[in-house]
Amino acid sequence: MIISASRRTDIPAFFSDWFINRLNEQYAYVRNPMNIHQVSKINLSPDIVDCIVFWSKNPKPIIEKLSSLKDYMYYFQFTLNAYEEDIETNLPPYSVKSFFLFFKEFFNSYLR
């Protein structure tokens, strides 16, 4: 099973502690957005989860917690856009250059 984390909200940016806790407990309850009365319990065991896809505009808060994902395959989808603070109110001030420099440094240290 592939877990698409963050399609409705930016889990790495705002709910990384909650997500790591859910992985530790190996389940999460998910409400169906089309039928709010339908709630499913999703098994998050590493035996069941083939991959986790994180969608984020600010993955920095989850970076130091990635060791908690050692039993899972995962990757990140990044969203970059040119919106100003009046639209993107909860993002740190990034330039595209600083964003890529951060990840270059991170991956160089992570892959050693």
C-alpha atoms as a PDB file:
ATOM      1  CA  MET A   1       0.000   0.000   0.000  1.00  0.00           C
ATOM      2  CA  ILE A   2       1.280   3.491  -0.827  1.00  0.00           C
ATOM      3  CA  ILE A   3       0.505   6.177   1.747  1.00  0.00           C
ATOM      4  CA  SER A   4       0.013   9.567   0.143  1.00  0.00           C
ATOM      5  CA  ALA A   5       0.705  11.779   3.131  1.00  0.00           C
ATOM      6  CA  SER A   6      -0.161  15.439   2.886  1.00  0.00           C
ATOM      7  CA  ARG A   7      -2.565  15.745  -0.003  1.00  0.00           C
ATOM      8  CA  ARG A   8      -5.060  17.509   2.277  1.00  0.00           C
ATOM      9  CA  THR A   9      -2.598  19.216   4.610  1.00  0.00           C
ATOM     10  CA  ASP A  10       1.162  19.623   4.863  1.00  0.00           C
ATOM     11  CA  ILE A  11       2.004  16.834   7.336  1.00  0.00           C
ATOM     12  CA  PRO A  12       5.806  17.316   7.239  1.00  0.00           C
ATOM     13  CA  ALA A  13       5.429  21.038   7.980  1.00  0.00           C
ATOM     14  CA  PHE A  14       2.662  21.023  10.579  1.00  0.00           C
ATOM     15  CA  PHE A  15       1.984  17.506  11.868  1.00  0.00           C
ATOM     16  CA  SER A  16       5.275  15.595  11.758  1.00  0.00           C
ATOM     17  CA  ASP A  17       5.133  14.636  15.460  1.00  0.00           C
ATOM     18  CA  TRP A  18       1.597  13.294  14.998  1.00  0.00           C
ATOM     19  CA  PHE A  19       2.624  11.331  11.913  1.00  0.00           C
ATOM     20  CA  ILE A  20       5.672   9.751  13.591  1.00  0.00           C
ATOM     21  CA  ASN A  21       3.440   8.812  16.527  1.00  0.00           C
ATOM     22  CA  ARG A  22       0.969   7.173  14.127  1.00  0.00           C
ATOM     23  CA  LEU A  23       3.803   5.164  12.554  1.00  0.00           C
ATOM     24  CA  ASN A  24       4.972   4.078  16.006  1.00  0.00           C
ATOM     25  CA  GLU A  25       1.419   2.952  16.822  1.00  0.00           C
ATOM     26  CA  GLN A  26       1.151   1.452  13.287  1.00  0.00           C
ATOM     27  CA  TYR A  27      -2.323   2.771  12.542  1.00  0.00           C
ATOM     28  CA  ALA A  28      -4.223   5.976  11.811  1.00  0.00           C
ATOM     29  CA  TYR A  29      -7.895   6.826  11.599  1.00  0.00           C
ATOM     30  CA  VAL A  30      -8.826   8.613   8.374  1.00  0.00           C
ATOM     31  CA  ARG A  31     -12.109  10.367   7.735  1.00  0.00           C
ATOM     32  CA  ASN A  32     -13.569  10.145   4.244  1.00  0.00           C
ATOM     33  CA  PRO A  33     -13.802  13.769   2.995  1.00  0.00           C
ATOM     34  CA  MET A  34     -16.887  12.914   0.934  1.00  0.00           C
ATOM     35  CA  ASN A  35     -18.708  11.159   3.790  1.00  0.00           C
ATOM     36  CA  ILE A  36     -17.722  12.593   7.171  1.00  0.00           C
ATOM     37  CA  HIS A  37     -19.470   9.715   8.954  1.00  0.00           C
ATOM     38  CA  GLN A  38     -17.144   7.145   7.386  1.00  0.00           C
ATOM     39  CA  VAL A  39     -13.890   6.696   9.299  1.00  0.00           C
ATOM     40  CA  SER A  40     -11.399   3.983   8.405  1.00  0.00           C
ATOM     41  CA  LYS A  41      -8.600   2.539  10.505  1.00  0.00           C
ATOM     42  CA  ILE A  42      -5.520   2.318   8.272  1.00  0.00           C
ATOM     43  CA  ASN A  43      -2.809  -0.219   9.060  1.00  0.00           C
ATOM     44  CA  LEU A  44       0.579   1.534   8.936  1.00  0.00           C
ATOM     45  CA  SER A  45       2.726  -1.502   9.650  1.00  0.00           C
ATOM     46  CA  PRO A  46       5.986  -1.578   7.662  1.00  0.00           C
ATOM     47  CA  ASP A  47       4.861  -5.000   6.377  1.00  0.00           C
ATOM     48  CA  ILE A  48       1.820  -3.388   4.752  1.00  0.00           C
ATOM     49  CA  VAL A  49       3.167   0.020   3.667  1.00  0.00           C
ATOM     50  CA  ASP A  50       5.194  -0.174   0.451  1.00  0.00           C
ATOM     51  CA  CYS A  51       6.044   3.533   0.376  1.00  0.00           C
ATOM     52  CA  ILE A  52       5.120   6.877   1.930  1.00  0.00           C
ATOM     53  CA  VAL A  53       4.849   9.909  -0.346  1.00  0.00           C
ATOM     54  CA  PHE A  54       5.176  13.224   1.464  1.00  0.00           C
ATOM     55  CA  TRP A  55       3.788  16.330  -0.231  1.00  0.00           C
ATOM     56  CA  SER A  56       5.208  19.507   1.287  1.00  0.00           C
ATOM     57  CA  LYS A  57       6.092  23.128   0.811  1.00  0.00           C
ATOM     58  CA  ASN A  58       8.184  23.098   3.990  1.00  0.00           C
ATOM     59  CA  PRO A  59       9.593  19.690   4.958  1.00  0.00           C
ATOM     60  CA  LYS A  60      12.160  21.092   7.422  1.00  0.00           C
ATOM     61  CA  PRO A  61      10.209  20.111  10.591  1.00  0.00           C
ATOM     62  CA  ILE A  62      10.262  16.399   9.690  1.00  0.00           C
ATOM     63  CA  ILE A  63      13.883  16.249   8.502  1.00  0.00           C
ATOM     64  CA  GLU A  64      15.403  15.563  11.918  1.00  0.00           C
ATOM     65  CA  LYS A  65      12.798  12.847  12.505  1.00  0.00           C
ATOM     66  CA  LEU A  66      13.593  10.816   9.381  1.00  0.00           C
ATOM     67  CA  SER A  67      15.444   8.186  11.407  1.00  0.00           C
ATOM     68  CA  SER A  68      11.992   7.180  12.701  1.00  0.00           C
ATOM     69  CA  LEU A  69      11.169   6.112   9.141  1.00  0.00           C
ATOM     70  CA  LYS A  70      14.023   3.599   8.883  1.00  0.00           C
ATOM     71  CA  ASP A  71      11.605   0.695   8.335  1.00  0.00           C
ATOM     72  CA  TYR A  72       9.761   2.496   5.519  1.00  0.00           C
ATOM     73  CA  MET A  73      10.516   3.511   1.963  1.00  0.00           C
ATOM     74  CA  TYR A  74       9.581   7.153   1.397  1.00  0.00           C
ATOM     75  CA  TYR A  75      10.115  10.127  -0.848  1.00  0.00           C
ATOM     76  CA  PHE A  76       9.135  13.788  -1.012  1.00  0.00           C
ATOM     77  CA  GLN A  77       7.190  15.791  -3.562  1.00  0.00           C
ATOM     78  CA  PHE A  78       8.043  19.480  -3.205  1.00  0.00           C
ATOM     79  CA  THR A  79       5.849  22.361  -4.220  1.00  0.00           C
ATOM     80  CA  LEU A  80       7.497  25.652  -5.091  1.00  0.00           C
ATOM     81  CA  ASN A  81       5.549  28.639  -6.290  1.00  0.00           C
ATOM     82  CA  ALA A  82       5.915  32.394  -6.527  1.00  0.00           C
ATOM     83  CA  TYR A  83       3.123  33.354  -4.122  1.00  0.00           C
ATOM     84  CA  GLU A  84       3.860  36.142  -1.674  1.00  0.00           C
ATOM     85  CA  GLU A  85       3.167  36.111   2.090  1.00  0.00           C
ATOM     86  CA  ASP A  86      -0.351  37.489   1.602  1.00  0.00           C
ATOM     87  CA  ILE A  87      -1.312  34.131   0.045  1.00  0.00           C
ATOM     88  CA  GLU A  88       1.221  31.730   1.614  1.00  0.00           C
ATOM     89  CA  THR A  89       0.940  32.957   5.192  1.00  0.00           C
ATOM     90  CA  ASN A  90       2.452  29.961   7.010  1.00  0.00           C
ATOM     91  CA  LEU A  91       5.639  29.403   5.025  1.00  0.00           C
ATOM     92  CA  PRO A  92       9.123  30.509   6.024  1.00  0.00           C
ATOM     93  CA  PRO A  93      10.681  33.004   3.633  1.00  0.00           C
ATOM     94  CA  TYR A  94      12.330  30.886   0.967  1.00  0.00           C
ATOM     95  CA  SER A  95      14.077  31.743  -2.159  1.00  0.00           C
ATOM     96  CA  VAL A  96      14.371  28.944  -4.674  1.00  0.00           C
ATOM     97  CA  LYS A  97      18.148  29.068  -4.251  1.00  0.00           C
ATOM     98  CA  SER A  98      17.987  28.729  -0.439  1.00  0.00           C
ATOM     99  CA  PHE A  99      15.498  25.866  -0.767  1.00  0.00           C
ATOM    100  CA  PHE A 100      17.808  23.843  -2.994  1.00  0.00           C
ATOM    101  CA  LEU A 101      20.906  24.690  -0.957  1.00  0.00           C
ATOM    102  CA  PHE A 102      19.159  23.375   2.158  1.00  0.00           C
ATOM    103  CA  PHE A 103      18.373  20.068   0.455  1.00  0.00           C
ATOM    104  CA  LYS A 104      21.790  19.766  -1.080  1.00  0.00           C
ATOM    105  CA  GLU A 105      23.342  20.089   2.382  1.00  0.00           C
ATOM    106  CA  PHE A 106      20.782  17.754   3.912  1.00  0.00           C
ATOM    107  CA  PHE A 107      21.202  14.984   1.366  1.00  0.00           C
ATOM    108  CA  ASN A 108      24.987  15.270   1.402  1.00  0.00           C
ATOM    109  CA  SER A 109      24.990  14.737   5.178  1.00  0.00           C
ATOM    110  CA  TYR A 110      22.176  12.149   5.140  1.00  0.00           C
ATOM    111  CA  LEU A 111      23.798   9.942   2.508  1.00  0.00           C
ATOM    112  CA  ARG A 112      27.198   9.758   4.218  1.00  0.00           C
END
